[in-house]
Amino acid sequence: GIPFPGNGINVTVDAVAGRITNYNLNWGNFDFPAAAKIIDRQQAVET
């Protein structure tokens, strides 16, 4: 449920021809740490 901007999917549409002209998948196999023992959003803003 946490965004990972380092990975994702890019798609480009040729809106004149009505077709997809570019598709790129950037997806890796990584070990993701659990969201435990982190400061909350309010603490993050204050810091």
PDB file of all heavy atoms in Angstrom:
ATOM      1  N   GLY A   1       0.788  -1.218   0.000  1.00  0.00           N
ATOM      2  CA  GLY A   1       0.000   0.000   0.000  1.00  0.00           C
ATOM      3  C   GLY A   1       0.823   1.271   0.000  1.00  0.00           C
ATOM      4  O   GLY A   1       0.274   2.374   0.079  1.00  0.00           O
ATOM      5  N   ILE A   2       2.146   1.152  -0.111  1.00  0.00           N
ATOM      6  CA  ILE A   2       3.058   2.305  -0.064  1.00  0.00           C
ATOM      7  C   ILE A   2       3.612   2.543  -1.468  1.00  0.00           C
ATOM      8  O   ILE A   2       4.085   1.606  -2.120  1.00  0.00           O
ATOM      9  CB  ILE A   2       4.207   2.045   0.925  1.00  0.00           C
ATOM     10  CG1 ILE A   2       3.649   1.853   2.331  1.00  0.00           C
ATOM     11  CG2 ILE A   2       5.223   3.187   0.895  1.00  0.00           C
ATOM     12  CD1 ILE A   2       4.683   1.400   3.338  1.00  0.00           C
ATOM     13  N   PRO A   3       3.573   3.776  -1.966  1.00  0.00           N
ATOM     14  CA  PRO A   3       4.097   4.048  -3.311  1.00  0.00           C
ATOM     15  C   PRO A   3       5.580   3.717  -3.417  1.00  0.00           C
ATOM     16  O   PRO A   3       6.365   3.963  -2.498  1.00  0.00           O
ATOM     17  CB  PRO A   3       3.856   5.554  -3.488  1.00  0.00           C
ATOM     18  CG  PRO A   3       2.778   5.897  -2.522  1.00  0.00           C
ATOM     19  CD  PRO A   3       2.976   4.978  -1.353  1.00  0.00           C
ATOM     20  N   PHE A   4       5.948   3.184  -4.570  1.00  0.00           N
ATOM     21  CA  PHE A   4       7.342   2.876  -4.890  1.00  0.00           C
ATOM     22  C   PHE A   4       7.644   3.495  -6.255  1.00  0.00           C
ATOM     23  O   PHE A   4       7.598   2.818  -7.274  1.00  0.00           O
ATOM     24  CB  PHE A   4       7.558   1.366  -4.900  1.00  0.00           C
ATOM     25  CG  PHE A   4       8.966   0.943  -5.243  1.00  0.00           C
ATOM     26  CD1 PHE A   4      10.057   1.656  -4.796  1.00  0.00           C
ATOM     27  CD2 PHE A   4       9.187  -0.186  -6.019  1.00  0.00           C
ATOM     28  CE1 PHE A   4      11.350   1.266  -5.107  1.00  0.00           C
ATOM     29  CE2 PHE A   4      10.479  -0.588  -6.339  1.00  0.00           C
ATOM     30  CZ  PHE A   4      11.560   0.141  -5.884  1.00  0.00           C
ATOM     31  N   PRO A   5       7.929   4.818  -6.302  1.00  0.00           N
ATOM     32  CA  PRO A   5       8.140   5.488  -7.586  1.00  0.00           C
ATOM     33  C   PRO A   5       9.290   4.927  -8.402  1.00  0.00           C
ATOM     34  O   PRO A   5       9.377   5.171  -9.601  1.00  0.00           O
ATOM     35  CB  PRO A   5       8.424   6.941  -7.166  1.00  0.00           C
ATOM     36  CG  PRO A   5       7.826   7.074  -5.800  1.00  0.00           C
ATOM     37  CD  PRO A   5       8.007   5.734  -5.169  1.00  0.00           C
ATOM     38  N   GLY A   6      10.193   4.167  -7.747  1.00  0.00           N
ATOM     39  CA  GLY A   6      11.301   3.584  -8.492  1.00  0.00           C
ATOM     40  C   GLY A   6      10.864   2.542  -9.494  1.00  0.00           C
ATOM     41  O   GLY A   6      11.623   2.191 -10.399  1.00  0.00           O
ATOM     42  N   ASN A   7       9.647   2.042  -9.359  1.00  0.00           N
ATOM     43  CA  ASN A   7       9.086   1.068 -10.287  1.00  0.00           C
ATOM     44  C   ASN A   7       7.736   1.542 -10.776  1.00  0.00           C
ATOM     45  O   ASN A   7       7.030   2.282 -10.090  1.00  0.00           O
ATOM     46  CB  ASN A   7       8.925  -0.296  -9.620  1.00  0.00           C
ATOM     47  CG  ASN A   7      10.186  -1.138  -9.635  1.00  0.00           C
ATOM     48  OD1 ASN A   7      10.150  -2.298  -9.259  1.00  0.00           O
ATOM     49  ND2 ASN A   7      11.304  -0.576 -10.047  1.00  0.00           N
ATOM     50  N   GLY A   8       7.364   1.095 -11.972  1.00  0.00           N
ATOM     51  CA  GLY A   8       6.057   1.454 -12.496  1.00  0.00           C
ATOM     52  C   GLY A   8       5.946   1.159 -13.977  1.00  0.00           C
ATOM     53  O   GLY A   8       6.773   0.450 -14.558  1.00  0.00           O
ATOM     54  N   ILE A   9       4.909   1.718 -14.584  1.00  0.00           N
ATOM     55  CA  ILE A   9       4.618   1.466 -16.000  1.00  0.00           C
ATOM     56  C   ILE A   9       4.372   2.800 -16.694  1.00  0.00           C
ATOM     57  O   ILE A   9       3.535   3.594 -16.257  1.00  0.00           O
ATOM     58  CB  ILE A   9       3.375   0.564 -16.170  1.00  0.00           C
ATOM     59  CG1 ILE A   9       3.524  -0.734 -15.354  1.00  0.00           C
ATOM     60  CG2 ILE A   9       3.147   0.253 -17.637  1.00  0.00           C
ATOM     61  CD1 ILE A   9       2.275  -1.602 -15.351  1.00  0.00           C
ATOM     62  N   ASN A  10       5.095   3.047 -17.783  1.00  0.00           N
ATOM     63  CA  ASN A  10       4.895   4.225 -18.626  1.00  0.00           C
ATOM     64  C   ASN A  10       4.171   3.805 -19.901  1.00  0.00           C
ATOM     65  O   ASN A  10       4.530   2.793 -20.519  1.00  0.00           O
ATOM     66  CB  ASN A  10       6.236   4.856 -19.013  1.00  0.00           C
ATOM     67  CG  ASN A  10       6.903   5.534 -17.843  1.00  0.00           C
ATOM     68  OD1 ASN A  10       6.546   6.639 -17.460  1.00  0.00           O
ATOM     69  ND2 ASN A  10       7.896   4.863 -17.272  1.00  0.00           N
ATOM     70  N   VAL A  11       3.183   4.597 -20.298  1.00  0.00           N
ATOM     71  CA  VAL A  11       2.454   4.323 -21.531  1.00  0.00           C
ATOM     72  C   VAL A  11       2.219   5.649 -22.262  1.00  0.00           C
ATOM     73  O   VAL A  11       1.851   6.651 -21.637  1.00  0.00           O
ATOM     74  CB  VAL A  11       1.093   3.634 -21.273  1.00  0.00           C
ATOM     75  CG1 VAL A  11       0.428   3.270 -22.602  1.00  0.00           C
ATOM     76  CG2 VAL A  11       1.267   2.393 -20.407  1.00  0.00           C
ATOM     77  N   THR A  12       2.436   5.642 -23.562  1.00  0.00           N
ATOM     78  CA  THR A  12       2.193   6.817 -24.398  1.00  0.00           C
ATOM     79  C   THR A  12       1.128   6.469 -25.430  1.00  0.00           C
ATOM     80  O   THR A  12       1.181   5.402 -26.046  1.00  0.00           O
ATOM     81  CB  THR A  12       3.480   7.256 -25.119  1.00  0.00           C
ATOM     82  OG1 THR A  12       4.488   7.535 -24.146  1.00  0.00           O
ATOM     83  CG2 THR A  12       3.235   8.514 -25.947  1.00  0.00           C
ATOM     84  N   VAL A  13       0.176   7.380 -25.596  1.00  0.00           N
ATOM     85  CA  VAL A  13      -0.924   7.175 -26.538  1.00  0.00           C
ATOM     86  C   VAL A  13      -0.846   8.207 -27.654  1.00  0.00           C
ATOM     87  O   VAL A  13      -0.729   9.404 -27.384  1.00  0.00           O
ATOM     88  CB  VAL A  13      -2.284   7.281 -25.824  1.00  0.00           C
ATOM     89  CG1 VAL A  13      -3.430   7.183 -26.833  1.00  0.00           C
ATOM     90  CG2 VAL A  13      -2.413   6.191 -24.761  1.00  0.00           C
ATOM     91  N   ASP A  14      -0.880   7.740 -28.880  1.00  0.00           N
ATOM     92  CA  ASP A  14      -1.054   8.612 -30.040  1.00  0.00           C
ATOM     93  C   ASP A  14      -2.555   8.877 -30.145  1.00  0.00           C
ATOM     94  O   ASP A  14      -3.320   8.036 -30.619  1.00  0.00           O
ATOM     95  CB  ASP A  14      -0.510   7.923 -31.289  1.00  0.00           C
ATOM     96  CG  ASP A  14      -0.636   8.797 -32.539  1.00  0.00           C
ATOM     97  OD1 ASP A  14      -1.469   9.728 -32.531  1.00  0.00           O
ATOM     98  OD2 ASP A  14       0.091   8.542 -33.513  1.00  0.00           O
ATOM     99  N   ALA A  15      -2.976  10.050 -29.669  1.00  0.00           N
ATOM    100  CA  ALA A  15      -4.409  10.344 -29.601  1.00  0.00           C
ATOM    101  C   ALA A  15      -4.997  10.673 -30.959  1.00  0.00           C
ATOM    102  O   ALA A  15      -6.218  10.696 -31.110  1.00  0.00           O
ATOM    103  CB  ALA A  15      -4.657  11.501 -28.635  1.00  0.00           C
ATOM    104  N   VAL A  16      -4.152  10.916 -31.965  1.00  0.00           N
ATOM    105  CA  VAL A  16      -4.642  11.164 -33.318  1.00  0.00           C
ATOM    106  C   VAL A  16      -5.009   9.831 -33.973  1.00  0.00           C
ATOM    107  O   VAL A  16      -6.092   9.668 -34.537  1.00  0.00           O
ATOM    108  CB  VAL A  16      -3.586  11.913 -34.154  1.00  0.00           C
ATOM    109  CG1 VAL A  16      -4.065  12.072 -35.597  1.00  0.00           C
ATOM    110  CG2 VAL A  16      -3.292  13.273 -33.536  1.00  0.00           C
ATOM    111  N   ALA A  17      -4.082   8.859 -33.883  1.00  0.00           N
ATOM    112  CA  ALA A  17      -4.318   7.547 -34.482  1.00  0.00           C
ATOM    113  C   ALA A  17      -5.130   6.639 -33.566  1.00  0.00           C
ATOM    114  O   ALA A  17      -5.621   5.587 -33.996  1.00  0.00           O
ATOM    115  CB  ALA A  17      -2.987   6.886 -34.822  1.00  0.00           C
ATOM    116  N   GLY A  18      -5.241   7.012 -32.268  1.00  0.00           N
ATOM    117  CA  GLY A  18      -6.006   6.197 -31.335  1.00  0.00           C
ATOM    118  C   GLY A  18      -5.320   4.889 -31.006  1.00  0.00           C
ATOM    119  O   GLY A  18      -5.980   3.847 -30.916  1.00  0.00           O
ATOM    120  N   ARG A  19      -3.993   4.912 -30.772  1.00  0.00           N
ATOM    121  CA  ARG A  19      -3.267   3.674 -30.478  1.00  0.00           C
ATOM    122  C   ARG A  19      -2.147   3.962 -29.485  1.00  0.00           C
ATOM    123  O   ARG A  19      -1.702   5.109 -29.315  1.00  0.00           O
ATOM    124  CB  ARG A  19      -2.667   3.085 -31.756  1.00  0.00           C
ATOM    125  CG  ARG A  19      -1.649   3.993 -32.411  1.00  0.00           C
ATOM    126  CD  ARG A  19      -0.910   3.319 -33.527  1.00  0.00           C
ATOM    127  NE  ARG A  19       0.158   4.173 -34.050  1.00  0.00           N
ATOM    128  CZ  ARG A  19       1.152   3.749 -34.809  1.00  0.00           C
ATOM    129  NH1 ARG A  19       1.212   2.467 -35.137  1.00  0.00           N
ATOM    130  NH2 ARG A  19       2.078   4.576 -35.237  1.00  0.00           N
ATOM    131  N   ILE A  20      -1.687   2.896 -28.830  1.00  0.00           N
ATOM    132  CA  ILE A  20      -0.562   2.987 -27.898  1.00  0.00           C
ATOM    133  C   ILE A  20       0.731   2.861 -28.695  1.00  0.00           C
ATOM    134  O   ILE A  20       0.908   1.916 -29.464  1.00  0.00           O
ATOM    135  CB  ILE A  20      -0.652   1.882 -26.833  1.00  0.00           C
ATOM    136  CG1 ILE A  20      -1.883   2.106 -25.953  1.00  0.00           C
ATOM    137  CG2 ILE A  20       0.616   1.843 -25.982  1.00  0.00           C
ATOM    138  CD1 ILE A  20      -2.154   0.981 -24.978  1.00  0.00           C
ATOM    139  N   THR A  21       1.628   3.832 -28.499  1.00  0.00           N
ATOM    140  CA  THR A  21       2.892   3.823 -29.245  1.00  0.00           C
ATOM    141  C   THR A  21       4.097   3.505 -28.373  1.00  0.00           C
ATOM    142  O   THR A  21       5.169   3.217 -28.894  1.00  0.00           O
ATOM    143  CB  THR A  21       3.120   5.180 -29.925  1.00  0.00           C
ATOM    144  OG1 THR A  21       3.109   6.212 -28.923  1.00  0.00           O
ATOM    145  CG2 THR A  21       2.039   5.455 -30.955  1.00  0.00           C
ATOM    146  N   ASN A  22       3.916   3.596 -27.067  1.00  0.00           N
ATOM    147  CA  ASN A  22       5.042   3.288 -26.189  1.00  0.00           C
ATOM    148  C   ASN A  22       4.527   2.660 -24.899  1.00  0.00           C
ATOM    149  O   ASN A  22       3.557   3.140 -24.314  1.00  0.00           O
ATOM    150  CB  ASN A  22       5.845   4.551 -25.862  1.00  0.00           C
ATOM    151  CG  ASN A  22       7.009   4.256 -24.912  1.00  0.00           C
ATOM    152  OD1 ASN A  22       6.832   4.255 -23.709  1.00  0.00           O
ATOM    153  ND2 ASN A  22       8.178   4.016 -25.466  1.00  0.00           N
ATOM    154  N   TYR A  23       5.182   1.578 -24.501  1.00  0.00           N
ATOM    155  CA  TYR A  23       4.856   0.907 -23.244  1.00  0.00           C
ATOM    156  C   TYR A  23       6.168   0.464 -22.629  1.00  0.00           C
ATOM    157  O   TYR A  23       7.034  -0.102 -23.312  1.00  0.00           O
ATOM    158  CB  TYR A  23       3.950  -0.299 -23.516  1.00  0.00           C
ATOM    159  CG  TYR A  23       4.025  -1.411 -22.482  1.00  0.00           C
ATOM    160  CD1 TYR A  23       3.423  -1.274 -21.229  1.00  0.00           C
ATOM    161  CD2 TYR A  23       4.704  -2.592 -22.765  1.00  0.00           C
ATOM    162  CE1 TYR A  23       3.496  -2.295 -20.301  1.00  0.00           C
ATOM    163  CE2 TYR A  23       4.784  -3.620 -21.846  1.00  0.00           C
ATOM    164  CZ  TYR A  23       4.180  -3.471 -20.601  1.00  0.00           C
ATOM    165  OH  TYR A  23       4.262  -4.477 -19.674  1.00  0.00           O
ATOM    166  N   ASN A  24       6.353   0.778 -21.341  1.00  0.00           N
ATOM    167  CA  ASN A  24       7.592   0.394 -20.685  1.00  0.00           C
ATOM    168  C   ASN A  24       7.307  -0.036 -19.259  1.00  0.00           C
ATOM    169  O   ASN A  24       6.732   0.719 -18.459  1.00  0.00           O
ATOM    170  CB  ASN A  24       8.589   1.564 -20.671  1.00  0.00           C
ATOM    171  CG  ASN A  24       9.909   1.171 -20.018  1.00  0.00           C
ATOM    172  OD1 ASN A  24      10.602   0.289 -20.492  1.00  0.00           O
ATOM    173  ND2 ASN A  24      10.235   1.835 -18.917  1.00  0.00           N
ATOM    174  N   LEU A  25       7.687  -1.276 -18.935  1.00  0.00           N
ATOM    175  CA  LEU A  25       7.529  -1.817 -17.592  1.00  0.00           C
ATOM    176  C   LEU A  25       8.872  -1.767 -16.882  1.00  0.00           C
ATOM    177  O   LEU A  25       9.869  -2.305 -17.370  1.00  0.00           O
ATOM    178  CB  LEU A  25       7.036  -3.271 -17.652  1.00  0.00           C
ATOM    179  CG  LEU A  25       6.995  -4.015 -16.310  1.00  0.00           C
ATOM    180  CD1 LEU A  25       5.879  -3.466 -15.432  1.00  0.00           C
ATOM    181  CD2 LEU A  25       6.824  -5.519 -16.524  1.00  0.00           C
ATOM    182  N   ASN A  26       8.914  -1.097 -15.743  1.00  0.00           N
ATOM    183  CA  ASN A  26      10.109  -1.048 -14.903  1.00  0.00           C
ATOM    184  C   ASN A  26       9.744  -1.692 -13.577  1.00  0.00           C
ATOM    185  O   ASN A  26       9.055  -1.094 -12.749  1.00  0.00           O
ATOM    186  CB  ASN A  26      10.543   0.410 -14.717  1.00  0.00           C
ATOM    187  CG  ASN A  26      11.765   0.532 -13.815  1.00  0.00           C
ATOM    188  OD1 ASN A  26      12.492  -0.436 -13.603  1.00  0.00           O
ATOM    189  ND2 ASN A  26      11.981   1.712 -13.274  1.00  0.00           N
ATOM    190  N   TRP A  27      10.189  -2.951 -13.383  1.00  0.00           N
ATOM    191  CA  TRP A  27       9.700  -3.747 -12.247  1.00  0.00           C
ATOM    192  C   TRP A  27      10.816  -4.670 -11.776  1.00  0.00           C
ATOM    193  O   TRP A  27      11.281  -5.521 -12.526  1.00  0.00           O
ATOM    194  CB  TRP A  27       8.492  -4.570 -12.675  1.00  0.00           C
ATOM    195  CG  TRP A  27       7.538  -4.905 -11.574  1.00  0.00           C
ATOM    196  CD1 TRP A  27       7.665  -5.910 -10.657  1.00  0.00           C
ATOM    197  CD2 TRP A  27       6.310  -4.244 -11.295  1.00  0.00           C
ATOM    198  NE1 TRP A  27       6.575  -5.909  -9.823  1.00  0.00           N
ATOM    199  CE2 TRP A  27       5.718  -4.899 -10.191  1.00  0.00           C
ATOM    200  CE3 TRP A  27       5.639  -3.172 -11.865  1.00  0.00           C
ATOM    201  CZ2 TRP A  27       4.502  -4.506  -9.652  1.00  0.00           C
ATOM    202  CZ3 TRP A  27       4.430  -2.780 -11.335  1.00  0.00           C
ATOM    203  CH2 TRP A  27       3.875  -3.443 -10.236  1.00  0.00           C
ATOM    204  N   GLY A  28      11.255  -4.497 -10.568  1.00  0.00           N
ATOM    205  CA  GLY A  28      12.339  -5.322 -10.051  1.00  0.00           C
ATOM    206  C   GLY A  28      11.908  -6.182  -8.886  1.00  0.00           C
ATOM    207  O   GLY A  28      10.857  -5.963  -8.262  1.00  0.00           O
ATOM    208  N   ASN A  29      12.723  -7.157  -8.580  1.00  0.00           N
ATOM    209  CA  ASN A  29      12.480  -8.065  -7.462  1.00  0.00           C
ATOM    210  C   ASN A  29      13.356  -7.627  -6.295  1.00  0.00           C
ATOM    211  O   ASN A  29      14.566  -7.854  -6.293  1.00  0.00           O
ATOM    212  CB  ASN A  29      12.816  -9.500  -7.877  1.00  0.00           C
ATOM    213  CG  ASN A  29      12.586 -10.488  -6.748  1.00  0.00           C
ATOM    214  OD1 ASN A  29      11.789 -10.232  -5.840  1.00  0.00           O
ATOM    215  ND2 ASN A  29      13.293 -11.606  -6.775  1.00  0.00           N
ATOM    216  N   PHE A  30      12.752  -6.952  -5.317  1.00  0.00           N
ATOM    217  CA  PHE A  30      13.511  -6.381  -4.205  1.00  0.00           C
ATOM    218  C   PHE A  30      12.937  -6.852  -2.875  1.00  0.00           C
ATOM    219  O   PHE A  30      11.816  -7.360  -2.801  1.00  0.00           O
ATOM    220  CB  PHE A  30      13.467  -4.843  -4.261  1.00  0.00           C
ATOM    221  CG  PHE A  30      13.916  -4.272  -5.572  1.00  0.00           C
ATOM    222  CD1 PHE A  30      12.996  -3.744  -6.459  1.00  0.00           C
ATOM    223  CD2 PHE A  30      15.249  -4.263  -5.929  1.00  0.00           C
ATOM    224  CE1 PHE A  30      13.386  -3.213  -7.666  1.00  0.00           C
ATOM    225  CE2 PHE A  30      15.659  -3.737  -7.140  1.00  0.00           C
ATOM    226  CZ  PHE A  30      14.726  -3.216  -8.015  1.00  0.00           C
ATOM    227  N   ASP A  31      13.716  -6.652  -1.843  1.00  0.00           N
ATOM    228  CA  ASP A  31      13.256  -6.930  -0.483  1.00  0.00           C
ATOM    229  C   ASP A  31      12.775  -5.614   0.124  1.00  0.00           C
ATOM    230  O   ASP A  31      13.560  -4.665   0.273  1.00  0.00           O
ATOM    231  CB  ASP A  31      14.399  -7.517   0.366  1.00  0.00           C
ATOM    232  CG  ASP A  31      14.843  -8.875  -0.148  1.00  0.00           C
ATOM    233  OD1 ASP A  31      13.985  -9.618  -0.661  1.00  0.00           O
ATOM    234  OD2 ASP A  31      16.043  -9.187  -0.043  1.00  0.00           O
ATOM    235  N   PHE A  32      11.496  -5.551   0.445  1.00  0.00           N
ATOM    236  CA  PHE A  32      10.907  -4.312   0.940  1.00  0.00           C
ATOM    237  C   PHE A  32      10.767  -4.376   2.458  1.00  0.00           C
ATOM    238  O   PHE A  32      10.130  -5.297   2.990  1.00  0.00           O
ATOM    239  CB  PHE A  32       9.542  -4.077   0.295  1.00  0.00           C
ATOM    240  CG  PHE A  32       9.616  -3.793  -1.173  1.00  0.00           C
ATOM    241  CD1 PHE A  32       9.561  -4.832  -2.096  1.00  0.00           C
ATOM    242  CD2 PHE A  32       9.770  -2.501  -1.635  1.00  0.00           C
ATOM    243  CE1 PHE A  32       9.643  -4.589  -3.454  1.00  0.00           C
ATOM    244  CE2 PHE A  32       9.850  -2.241  -2.992  1.00  0.00           C
ATOM    245  CZ  PHE A  32       9.788  -3.280  -3.903  1.00  0.00           C
ATOM    246  N   PRO A  33      11.333  -3.416   3.164  1.00  0.00           N
ATOM    247  CA  PRO A  33      11.209  -3.413   4.625  1.00  0.00           C
ATOM    248  C   PRO A  33       9.771  -3.143   5.048  1.00  0.00           C
ATOM    249  O   PRO A  33       9.034  -2.403   4.386  1.00  0.00           O
ATOM    250  CB  PRO A  33      12.132  -2.262   5.061  1.00  0.00           C
ATOM    251  CG  PRO A  33      12.216  -1.369   3.861  1.00  0.00           C
ATOM    252  CD  PRO A  33      12.127  -2.270   2.667  1.00  0.00           C
ATOM    253  N   ALA A  34       9.376  -3.734   6.143  1.00  0.00           N
ATOM    254  CA  ALA A  34       8.030  -3.511   6.670  1.00  0.00           C
ATOM    255  C   ALA A  34       7.927  -2.102   7.234  1.00  0.00           C
ATOM    256  O   ALA A  34       8.907  -1.530   7.727  1.00  0.00           O
ATOM    257  CB  ALA A  34       7.707  -4.537   7.748  1.00  0.00           C
ATOM    258  N   ALA A  35       6.745  -1.532   7.152  1.00  0.00           N
ATOM    259  CA  ALA A  35       6.521  -0.173   7.650  1.00  0.00           C
ATOM    260  C   ALA A  35       6.318  -0.204   9.158  1.00  0.00           C
ATOM    261  O   ALA A  35       5.266   0.185   9.684  1.00  0.00           O
ATOM    262  CB  ALA A  35       5.327   0.449   6.949  1.00  0.00           C
ATOM    263  N   ALA A  36       7.336  -0.680   9.868  1.00  0.00           N
ATOM    264  CA  ALA A  36       7.278  -0.804  11.325  1.00  0.00           C
ATOM    265  C   ALA A  36       8.327   0.110  11.945  1.00  0.00           C
ATOM    266  O   ALA A  36       9.386   0.359  11.364  1.00  0.00           O
ATOM    267  CB  ALA A  36       7.519  -2.254  11.748  1.00  0.00           C
ATOM    268  N   LYS A  37       8.022   0.593  13.130  1.00  0.00           N
ATOM    269  CA  LYS A  37       8.934   1.464  13.887  1.00  0.00           C
ATOM    270  C   LYS A  37       9.342   2.702  13.090  1.00  0.00           C
ATOM    271  O   LYS A  37      10.500   3.117  13.106  1.00  0.00           O
ATOM    272  CB  LYS A  37      10.172   0.682  14.325  1.00  0.00           C
ATOM    273  CG  LYS A  37       9.873  -0.481  15.252  1.00  0.00           C
ATOM    274  CD  LYS A  37      11.145  -1.196  15.682  1.00  0.00           C
ATOM    275  CE  LYS A  37      10.829  -2.349  16.617  1.00  0.00           C
ATOM    276  NZ  LYS A  37      12.059  -3.085  17.045  1.00  0.00           N
ATOM    277  N   ILE A  38       8.398   3.263  12.368  1.00  0.00           N
ATOM    278  CA  ILE A  38       8.683   4.488  11.627  1.00  0.00           C
ATOM    279  C   ILE A  38       8.006   5.656  12.334  1.00  0.00           C
ATOM    280  O   ILE A  38       7.055   5.480  13.088  1.00  0.00           O
ATOM    281  CB  ILE A  38       8.187   4.407  10.170  1.00  0.00           C
ATOM    282  CG1 ILE A  38       6.668   4.256  10.117  1.00  0.00           C
ATOM    283  CG2 ILE A  38       8.869   3.266   9.435  1.00  0.00           C
ATOM    284  CD1 ILE A  38       6.090   4.328   8.714  1.00  0.00           C
ATOM    285  N   ILE A  39       8.529   6.853  12.104  1.00  0.00           N
ATOM    286  CA  ILE A  39       7.886   8.033  12.666  1.00  0.00           C
ATOM    287  C   ILE A  39       6.592   8.286  11.902  1.00  0.00           C
ATOM    288  O   ILE A  39       6.479   7.950  10.719  1.00  0.00           O
ATOM    289  CB  ILE A  39       8.814   9.261  12.590  1.00  0.00           C
ATOM    290  CG1 ILE A  39       9.193   9.583  11.136  1.00  0.00           C
ATOM    291  CG2 ILE A  39      10.062   9.037  13.417  1.00  0.00           C
ATOM    292  CD1 ILE A  39      10.068  10.814  10.986  1.00  0.00           C
ATOM    293  N   ASP A  40       5.601   8.834  12.577  1.00  0.00           N
ATOM    294  CA  ASP A  40       4.340   9.068  11.892  1.00  0.00           C
ATOM    295  C   ASP A  40       4.435  10.324  11.030  1.00  0.00           C
ATOM    296  O   ASP A  40       5.423  11.069  11.079  1.00  0.00           O
ATOM    297  CB  ASP A  40       3.174   9.154  12.880  1.00  0.00           C
ATOM    298  CG  ASP A  40       3.329  10.285  13.896  1.00  0.00           C
ATOM    299  OD1 ASP A  40       3.902  11.335  13.553  1.00  0.00           O
ATOM    300  OD2 ASP A  40       2.882  10.120  15.047  1.00  0.00           O
ATOM    301  N   ARG A  41       3.397  10.553  10.255  1.00  0.00           N
ATOM    302  CA  ARG A  41       3.444  11.654   9.294  1.00  0.00           C
ATOM    303  C   ARG A  41       3.574  13.012   9.995  1.00  0.00           C
ATOM    304  O   ARG A  41       4.277  13.900   9.524  1.00  0.00           O
ATOM    305  CB  ARG A  41       2.196  11.638   8.413  1.00  0.00           C
ATOM    306  CG  ARG A  41       2.301  12.532   7.189  1.00  0.00           C
ATOM    307  CD  ARG A  41       1.056  12.416   6.333  1.00  0.00           C
ATOM    308  NE  ARG A  41       0.784  11.034   5.975  1.00  0.00           N
ATOM    309  CZ  ARG A  41       1.352  10.397   4.944  1.00  0.00           C
ATOM    310  NH1 ARG A  41       2.216  11.041   4.182  1.00  0.00           N
ATOM    311  NH2 ARG A  41       1.064   9.142   4.684  1.00  0.00           N
ATOM    312  N   GLN A  42       2.911  13.154  11.144  1.00  0.00           N
ATOM    313  CA  GLN A  42       3.007  14.421  11.860  1.00  0.00           C
ATOM    314  C   GLN A  42       4.432  14.676  12.328  1.00  0.00           C
ATOM    315  O   GLN A  42       4.949  15.794  12.217  1.00  0.00           O
ATOM    316  CB  GLN A  42       2.051  14.430  13.057  1.00  0.00           C
ATOM    317  CG  GLN A  42       2.060  15.746  13.832  1.00  0.00           C
ATOM    318  CD  GLN A  42       1.081  15.758  14.989  1.00  0.00           C
ATOM    319  OE1 GLN A  42       0.268  14.842  15.121  1.00  0.00           O
ATOM    320  NE2 GLN A  42       1.133  16.783  15.817  1.00  0.00           N
ATOM    321  N   GLN A  43       5.093  13.645  12.864  1.00  0.00           N
ATOM    322  CA  GLN A  43       6.489  13.783  13.276  1.00  0.00           C
ATOM    323  C   GLN A  43       7.373  14.105  12.076  1.00  0.00           C
ATOM    324  O   GLN A  43       8.308  14.914  12.178  1.00  0.00           O
ATOM    325  CB  GLN A  43       6.965  12.495  13.941  1.00  0.00           C
ATOM    326  CG  GLN A  43       6.369  12.214  15.303  1.00  0.00           C
ATOM    327  CD  GLN A  43       6.821  10.865  15.833  1.00  0.00           C
ATOM    328  OE1 GLN A  43       6.508   9.806  15.265  1.00  0.00           O
ATOM    329  NE2 GLN A  43       7.568  10.885  16.913  1.00  0.00           N
ATOM    330  N   ALA A  44       7.071  13.473  10.942  1.00  0.00           N
ATOM    331  CA  ALA A  44       7.863  13.718   9.741  1.00  0.00           C
ATOM    332  C   ALA A  44       7.743  15.178   9.308  1.00  0.00           C
ATOM    333  O   ALA A  44       8.741  15.825   8.955  1.00  0.00           O
ATOM    334  CB  ALA A  44       7.416  12.791   8.610  1.00  0.00           C
ATOM    335  N   VAL A  45       6.523  15.706   9.338  1.00  0.00           N
ATOM    336  CA  VAL A  45       6.314  17.107   8.959  1.00  0.00           C
ATOM    337  C   VAL A  45       7.068  18.032   9.910  1.00  0.00           C
ATOM    338  O   VAL A  45       7.730  18.990   9.483  1.00  0.00           O
ATOM    339  CB  VAL A  45       4.806  17.439   8.944  1.00  0.00           C
ATOM    340  CG1 VAL A  45       4.593  18.947   8.804  1.00  0.00           C
ATOM    341  CG2 VAL A  45       4.119  16.702   7.802  1.00  0.00           C
ATOM    342  N   GLU A  46       6.977  17.752  11.232  1.00  0.00           N
ATOM    343  CA  GLU A  46       7.653  18.595  12.217  1.00  0.00           C
ATOM    344  C   GLU A  46       9.158  18.586  11.997  1.00  0.00           C
ATOM    345  O   GLU A  46       9.816  19.628  12.034  1.00  0.00           O
ATOM    346  CB  GLU A  46       7.320  18.110  13.637  1.00  0.00           C
ATOM    347  CG  GLU A  46       5.875  18.326  14.046  1.00  0.00           C
ATOM    348  CD  GLU A  46       5.513  19.805  14.120  1.00  0.00           C
ATOM    349  OE1 GLU A  46       6.369  20.611  14.519  1.00  0.00           O
ATOM    350  OE2 GLU A  46       4.367  20.156  13.763  1.00  0.00           O
ATOM    351  N   THR A  47       9.731  17.406  11.746  1.00  0.00           N
ATOM    352  CA  THR A  47      11.174  17.298  11.521  1.00  0.00           C
ATOM    353  C   THR A  47      11.581  17.999  10.240  1.00  0.00           C
ATOM    354  O   THR A  47      12.593  18.718  10.201  1.00  0.00           O
ATOM    355  CB  THR A  47      11.582  15.813  11.459  1.00  0.00           C
ATOM    356  OG1 THR A  47      11.199  15.160  12.666  1.00  0.00           O
ATOM    357  CG2 THR A  47      13.085  15.681  11.271  1.00  0.00           C
TER     358      THR A  47
END
